[in-house]
Every structure is written in C-alpha cells, then in structure tokens.
Amino acid sequence: MVADVGGFTGGSYRIVIHATPVCTSPNGFSAGPPLLLPQTGAPVVVEMTIHHQGTANISTRIPGLALSGPAGVEGRSVVLHASRSGSLEASPGIPNDRVACGVVGPVPALL
C-alpha cells in the first residue's frame, strides 16, 4: 500500500480498508465495516503520523492483501481515521473519527 496524504492537521491517523465502495455519508458510515482478511479475520489497518506541515507519505506491504478477489482492495473504500485507536465502527448521523473516504477503482492490467 502506498499513500500520500495532505491537508490535515498533524497527529496520529490510521488508514483502514472498508468493505463497501460508497463514500456518500458525511461521517463515513456508508463505507461499511472494515474489510477483514480471510486468513486472519483481522481488519486492514495502517497507522501513520501526519507531520505538522499537514502531509504524510507511507509505503508498506500488507501480507494477505491483494489487488482483486476476496482480500482485494479493488471496489473497496479507503477511509482515513483521525486516531490510532478506538472503534472502527460507525452509526448513521453520529460523529466519529472518519475524516476522509475514497473508493479504489479498477486496477489497470500490468504490461
């Protein structure tokens, strides 16, 4: 996973892959529950620190995560949580720590 994040205040964050490819709700509820890796049952979570300039770059390998298939990121949402701890769950209309959301589109074929 490679992420370049900018425009946020400095502090501890985590990137979480969520199951549903929808980012329409203001609190990120529409992204659904975290994606659980089939072999471990654990959610896909990457912790990061955004520096005081408001940017962070991260590159990490996540064993068991694929581009497509049951453990794939294609067609999933990627949510930035403004904390390194706490619940990954959300309820409609209730504020939480989800501050950004995006959907992973089709992965292009490699040459």
N, C-alpha and C. Protein backbone atom coordinates (compact mmCIF):
# COMPACT_ATOMS: atom_id res chain seq x y z
N MET A 1 0.85 -1.16 0.00
CA MET A 1 0.00 0.00 0.00
C MET A 1 0.90 1.23 0.00
N VAL A 2 0.56 2.18 -0.85
CA VAL A 2 1.27 3.44 -0.91
C VAL A 2 0.23 4.54 -0.73
N ALA A 3 0.52 5.48 0.17
CA ALA A 3 -0.42 6.59 0.41
C ALA A 3 0.34 7.90 0.57
N ASP A 4 -0.16 8.93 -0.07
CA ASP A 4 0.31 10.30 0.11
C ASP A 4 -0.88 11.08 0.62
N VAL A 5 -0.77 11.61 1.83
CA VAL A 5 -1.88 12.29 2.47
C VAL A 5 -1.48 13.74 2.73
N GLY A 6 -2.39 14.66 2.47
CA GLY A 6 -2.10 16.07 2.70
C GLY A 6 -3.35 16.84 3.05
N GLY A 7 -3.16 18.00 3.69
CA GLY A 7 -4.28 18.87 4.00
C GLY A 7 -4.93 18.62 5.34
N PHE A 8 -4.29 17.85 6.21
CA PHE A 8 -4.86 17.55 7.53
C PHE A 8 -3.93 18.10 8.61
N THR A 9 -4.46 18.30 9.79
CA THR A 9 -3.64 18.75 10.90
C THR A 9 -2.72 17.62 11.34
N GLY A 10 -1.59 17.98 11.92
CA GLY A 10 -0.64 17.00 12.38
C GLY A 10 -1.23 16.11 13.47
N GLY A 11 -0.76 14.88 13.53
CA GLY A 11 -1.21 13.97 14.57
C GLY A 11 -1.23 12.53 14.10
N SER A 12 -1.80 11.68 14.92
CA SER A 12 -1.88 10.25 14.65
C SER A 12 -3.14 9.92 13.87
N TYR A 13 -2.98 9.11 12.84
CA TYR A 13 -4.08 8.70 11.97
C TYR A 13 -3.93 7.22 11.66
N ARG A 14 -4.95 6.65 11.06
CA ARG A 14 -4.85 5.31 10.52
C ARG A 14 -5.66 5.23 9.24
N ILE A 15 -5.15 4.45 8.32
CA ILE A 15 -5.84 4.18 7.07
C ILE A 15 -6.46 2.80 7.22
N VAL A 16 -7.75 2.70 6.90
CA VAL A 16 -8.47 1.43 7.05
C VAL A 16 -9.19 1.14 5.73
N ILE A 17 -9.03 -0.10 5.25
CA ILE A 17 -9.78 -0.54 4.07
C ILE A 17 -11.15 -1.00 4.57
N HIS A 18 -12.22 -0.44 4.00
CA HIS A 18 -13.58 -0.80 4.40
C HIS A 18 -14.25 -1.59 3.28
N ALA A 19 -15.27 -2.35 3.62
CA ALA A 19 -15.88 -3.34 2.72
C ALA A 19 -16.71 -2.75 1.59
N THR A 20 -17.37 -1.64 1.81
CA THR A 20 -18.35 -1.12 0.86
C THR A 20 -17.77 0.04 0.05
N PRO A 21 -17.93 0.05 -1.27
CA PRO A 21 -17.36 1.11 -2.11
C PRO A 21 -18.26 2.34 -2.20
N VAL A 22 -18.65 2.88 -1.06
CA VAL A 22 -19.54 4.04 -1.03
C VAL A 22 -19.01 5.05 -0.01
N CYS A 23 -18.93 6.32 -0.41
CA CYS A 23 -18.43 7.38 0.48
C CYS A 23 -19.40 8.56 0.49
N THR A 24 -20.69 8.29 0.56
CA THR A 24 -21.69 9.36 0.44
C THR A 24 -22.11 9.97 1.77
N SER A 25 -21.93 9.27 2.88
CA SER A 25 -22.38 9.82 4.16
C SER A 25 -21.32 10.74 4.76
N PRO A 26 -21.74 11.83 5.43
CA PRO A 26 -20.77 12.78 5.97
C PRO A 26 -19.85 12.18 7.05
N ASN A 27 -20.28 11.15 7.73
CA ASN A 27 -19.45 10.57 8.79
C ASN A 27 -18.78 9.26 8.35
N GLY A 28 -18.82 8.91 7.08
CA GLY A 28 -18.16 7.71 6.58
C GLY A 28 -18.90 6.42 6.86
N PHE A 29 -20.10 6.48 7.41
CA PHE A 29 -20.87 5.27 7.71
C PHE A 29 -21.10 4.44 6.45
N SER A 30 -21.29 5.12 5.32
CA SER A 30 -21.60 4.41 4.07
C SER A 30 -20.45 3.51 3.60
N ALA A 31 -19.25 3.68 4.11
CA ALA A 31 -18.11 2.83 3.74
C ALA A 31 -18.23 1.43 4.33
N GLY A 32 -19.17 1.24 5.23
CA GLY A 32 -19.40 -0.08 5.80
C GLY A 32 -18.36 -0.48 6.81
N PRO A 33 -18.39 -1.74 7.22
CA PRO A 33 -17.44 -2.22 8.22
C PRO A 33 -16.05 -2.39 7.60
N PRO A 34 -15.02 -2.49 8.43
CA PRO A 34 -13.68 -2.74 7.91
C PRO A 34 -13.62 -4.07 7.17
N LEU A 35 -12.79 -4.12 6.11
CA LEU A 35 -12.54 -5.36 5.40
C LEU A 35 -11.71 -6.26 6.30
N LEU A 36 -12.13 -7.52 6.45
CA LEU A 36 -11.39 -8.48 7.25
C LEU A 36 -10.63 -9.41 6.32
N LEU A 37 -9.35 -9.60 6.57
CA LEU A 37 -8.55 -10.52 5.76
C LEU A 37 -9.01 -11.95 6.01
N PRO A 38 -9.26 -12.72 4.96
CA PRO A 38 -9.80 -14.08 5.13
C PRO A 38 -8.92 -14.99 6.00
N GLN A 39 -7.60 -14.90 5.87
CA GLN A 39 -6.74 -15.83 6.60
C GLN A 39 -6.58 -15.48 8.08
N THR A 40 -6.79 -14.22 8.46
CA THR A 40 -6.58 -13.84 9.86
C THR A 40 -7.85 -13.33 10.54
N GLY A 41 -8.81 -12.85 9.77
CA GLY A 41 -10.01 -12.26 10.35
C GLY A 41 -9.75 -10.88 10.93
N ALA A 42 -8.58 -10.33 10.67
CA ALA A 42 -8.21 -9.01 11.18
C ALA A 42 -8.51 -7.93 10.15
N PRO A 43 -8.87 -6.72 10.61
CA PRO A 43 -9.09 -5.63 9.66
C PRO A 43 -7.76 -5.14 9.07
N VAL A 44 -7.84 -4.52 7.90
CA VAL A 44 -6.66 -3.96 7.25
C VAL A 44 -6.49 -2.53 7.78
N VAL A 45 -5.50 -2.33 8.64
CA VAL A 45 -5.26 -1.04 9.29
C VAL A 45 -3.79 -0.68 9.16
N VAL A 46 -3.50 0.54 8.70
CA VAL A 46 -2.13 1.04 8.62
C VAL A 46 -2.08 2.33 9.42
N GLU A 47 -1.23 2.36 10.44
CA GLU A 47 -1.08 3.56 11.26
C GLU A 47 -0.08 4.52 10.61
N MET A 48 -0.30 5.80 10.81
CA MET A 48 0.61 6.80 10.25
C MET A 48 0.56 8.07 11.09
N THR A 49 1.59 8.89 10.95
CA THR A 49 1.64 10.19 11.60
C THR A 49 1.71 11.25 10.53
N ILE A 50 0.80 12.21 10.60
CA ILE A 50 0.83 13.35 9.69
C ILE A 50 1.64 14.44 10.40
N HIS A 51 2.65 14.92 9.73
CA HIS A 51 3.56 15.89 10.31
C HIS A 51 2.92 17.27 10.41
N HIS A 52 3.55 18.15 11.12
CA HIS A 52 2.96 19.48 11.36
C HIS A 52 2.72 20.25 10.07
N GLN A 53 3.39 19.89 8.98
CA GLN A 53 3.13 20.56 7.69
C GLN A 53 1.83 20.06 7.05
N GLY A 54 1.21 19.04 7.65
CA GLY A 54 -0.06 18.53 7.14
C GLY A 54 0.07 17.44 6.10
N THR A 55 1.27 16.86 5.95
CA THR A 55 1.46 15.83 4.94
C THR A 55 2.08 14.56 5.53
N ALA A 56 1.86 13.45 4.85
CA ALA A 56 2.48 12.18 5.23
C ALA A 56 2.58 11.31 3.98
N ASN A 57 3.63 10.53 3.92
CA ASN A 57 3.84 9.56 2.85
C ASN A 57 4.12 8.23 3.52
N ILE A 58 3.47 7.18 3.04
CA ILE A 58 3.68 5.86 3.63
C ILE A 58 3.70 4.83 2.52
N SER A 59 4.55 3.85 2.68
CA SER A 59 4.61 2.72 1.77
C SER A 59 4.85 1.48 2.62
N THR A 60 3.94 0.52 2.54
CA THR A 60 4.06 -0.68 3.35
C THR A 60 3.45 -1.87 2.64
N ARG A 61 3.95 -3.03 2.94
CA ARG A 61 3.39 -4.27 2.39
C ARG A 61 2.47 -4.88 3.44
N ILE A 62 1.28 -5.30 3.00
CA ILE A 62 0.31 -5.91 3.91
C ILE A 62 0.11 -7.35 3.48
N PRO A 63 0.69 -8.31 4.21
CA PRO A 63 0.54 -9.72 3.84
C PRO A 63 -0.94 -10.12 3.80
N GLY A 64 -1.32 -10.82 2.72
CA GLY A 64 -2.69 -11.29 2.58
C GLY A 64 -3.60 -10.34 1.83
N LEU A 65 -3.16 -9.09 1.63
CA LEU A 65 -3.97 -8.12 0.89
C LEU A 65 -3.63 -8.23 -0.59
N ALA A 66 -4.65 -8.24 -1.44
CA ALA A 66 -4.46 -8.40 -2.88
C ALA A 66 -5.08 -7.21 -3.61
N LEU A 67 -4.83 -7.12 -4.91
CA LEU A 67 -5.45 -6.07 -5.71
C LEU A 67 -6.91 -6.40 -5.99
N SER A 68 -7.21 -7.70 -6.23
CA SER A 68 -8.59 -8.10 -6.51
C SER A 68 -8.90 -9.40 -5.78
N GLY A 69 -10.16 -9.82 -5.84
CA GLY A 69 -10.57 -11.05 -5.17
C GLY A 69 -11.11 -10.78 -3.77
N PRO A 70 -11.36 -11.83 -2.99
CA PRO A 70 -11.97 -11.68 -1.66
C PRO A 70 -11.16 -10.80 -0.70
N ALA A 71 -9.84 -10.82 -0.83
CA ALA A 71 -8.98 -9.99 0.03
C ALA A 71 -8.41 -8.82 -0.77
N GLY A 72 -9.13 -8.41 -1.81
CA GLY A 72 -8.64 -7.36 -2.69
C GLY A 72 -9.17 -5.98 -2.34
N VAL A 73 -8.43 -4.97 -2.75
CA VAL A 73 -8.82 -3.58 -2.48
C VAL A 73 -9.68 -2.99 -3.58
N GLU A 74 -9.66 -3.61 -4.77
CA GLU A 74 -10.48 -3.09 -5.87
C GLU A 74 -11.95 -3.11 -5.49
N GLY A 75 -12.63 -1.97 -5.64
CA GLY A 75 -14.04 -1.88 -5.30
C GLY A 75 -14.29 -1.76 -3.80
N ARG A 76 -13.29 -1.38 -3.05
CA ARG A 76 -13.43 -1.17 -1.60
C ARG A 76 -13.23 0.31 -1.32
N SER A 77 -13.62 0.73 -0.14
CA SER A 77 -13.36 2.11 0.26
C SER A 77 -12.12 2.16 1.14
N VAL A 78 -11.44 3.29 1.06
CA VAL A 78 -10.27 3.57 1.89
C VAL A 78 -10.64 4.76 2.75
N VAL A 79 -10.59 4.58 4.07
CA VAL A 79 -11.03 5.63 4.99
C VAL A 79 -9.86 6.07 5.86
N LEU A 80 -9.70 7.38 6.01
CA LEU A 80 -8.70 7.93 6.92
C LEU A 80 -9.39 8.24 8.24
N HIS A 81 -8.90 7.60 9.29
CA HIS A 81 -9.42 7.79 10.65
C HIS A 81 -8.47 8.72 11.40
N ALA A 82 -9.00 9.70 12.11
CA ALA A 82 -8.19 10.69 12.83
C ALA A 82 -7.82 10.21 14.22
N SER A 83 -7.35 8.99 14.33
CA SER A 83 -6.85 8.45 15.59
C SER A 83 -6.19 7.12 15.30
N ARG A 84 -5.36 6.67 16.20
CA ARG A 84 -4.73 5.35 16.05
C ARG A 84 -5.44 4.30 16.89
N SER A 85 -6.44 4.71 17.64
CA SER A 85 -7.15 3.75 18.48
C SER A 85 -8.64 4.08 18.46
N GLY A 86 -9.41 3.25 19.12
CA GLY A 86 -10.85 3.46 19.16
C GLY A 86 -11.57 2.56 18.18
N SER A 87 -12.86 2.64 18.24
CA SER A 87 -13.71 1.78 17.43
C SER A 87 -13.57 2.08 15.94
N LEU A 88 -13.64 1.05 15.13
CA LEU A 88 -13.66 1.21 13.68
C LEU A 88 -15.09 1.24 13.16
N GLU A 89 -16.06 1.10 14.04
CA GLU A 89 -17.47 1.07 13.66
C GLU A 89 -18.02 2.49 13.56
N ALA A 90 -19.14 2.62 12.86
CA ALA A 90 -19.82 3.91 12.73
C ALA A 90 -21.32 3.67 12.71
N SER A 91 -22.06 4.70 13.09
CA SER A 91 -23.52 4.68 13.05
C SER A 91 -24.00 5.86 12.24
N PRO A 92 -25.13 5.74 11.55
CA PRO A 92 -25.62 6.85 10.73
C PRO A 92 -25.82 8.11 11.56
N GLY A 93 -25.30 9.24 11.05
CA GLY A 93 -25.55 10.53 11.65
C GLY A 93 -24.81 10.83 12.94
N ILE A 94 -23.99 9.92 13.43
CA ILE A 94 -23.27 10.14 14.69
C ILE A 94 -21.81 10.46 14.36
N PRO A 95 -21.29 11.61 14.84
CA PRO A 95 -19.89 11.97 14.55
C PRO A 95 -18.93 10.88 15.02
N ASN A 96 -17.85 10.70 14.25
CA ASN A 96 -16.82 9.73 14.61
C ASN A 96 -15.48 10.26 14.12
N ASP A 97 -14.46 9.40 14.09
CA ASP A 97 -13.13 9.87 13.70
C ASP A 97 -12.80 9.67 12.22
N ARG A 98 -13.79 9.33 11.39
CA ARG A 98 -13.56 9.17 9.95
C ARG A 98 -13.53 10.56 9.30
N VAL A 99 -12.39 10.92 8.71
CA VAL A 99 -12.23 12.28 8.18
C VAL A 99 -12.09 12.36 6.67
N ALA A 100 -11.86 11.24 6.00
CA ALA A 100 -11.76 11.23 4.54
C ALA A 100 -12.09 9.83 4.04
N CYS A 101 -12.64 9.78 2.81
CA CYS A 101 -13.04 8.49 2.24
C CYS A 101 -12.86 8.54 0.74
N GLY A 102 -12.44 7.44 0.17
CA GLY A 102 -12.32 7.30 -1.27
C GLY A 102 -12.56 5.85 -1.67
N VAL A 103 -12.83 5.60 -2.94
CA VAL A 103 -13.10 4.25 -3.42
C VAL A 103 -12.01 3.85 -4.40
N VAL A 104 -11.49 2.64 -4.26
CA VAL A 104 -10.46 2.12 -5.14
C VAL A 104 -11.14 1.62 -6.42
N GLY A 105 -10.77 2.22 -7.55
CA GLY A 105 -11.35 1.83 -8.82
C GLY A 105 -10.67 0.61 -9.41
N PRO A 106 -11.04 0.26 -10.63
CA PRO A 106 -10.42 -0.90 -11.29
C PRO A 106 -8.90 -0.74 -11.36
N VAL A 107 -8.22 -1.83 -11.10
CA VAL A 107 -6.77 -1.84 -11.14
C VAL A 107 -6.35 -2.13 -12.58
N PRO A 108 -5.55 -1.23 -13.22
CA PRO A 108 -5.18 -1.47 -14.61
C PRO A 108 -4.25 -2.68 -14.74
N ALA A 109 -4.37 -3.36 -15.87
CA ALA A 109 -3.50 -4.52 -16.13
C ALA A 109 -2.06 -4.05 -16.30
N LEU A 110 -1.13 -4.84 -15.79
CA LEU A 110 0.29 -4.52 -15.94
C LEU A 110 0.78 -5.00 -17.28
N LEU A 111 1.70 -4.26 -17.86
CA LEU A 111 2.27 -4.65 -19.17
C LEU A 111 3.28 -5.75 -19.00
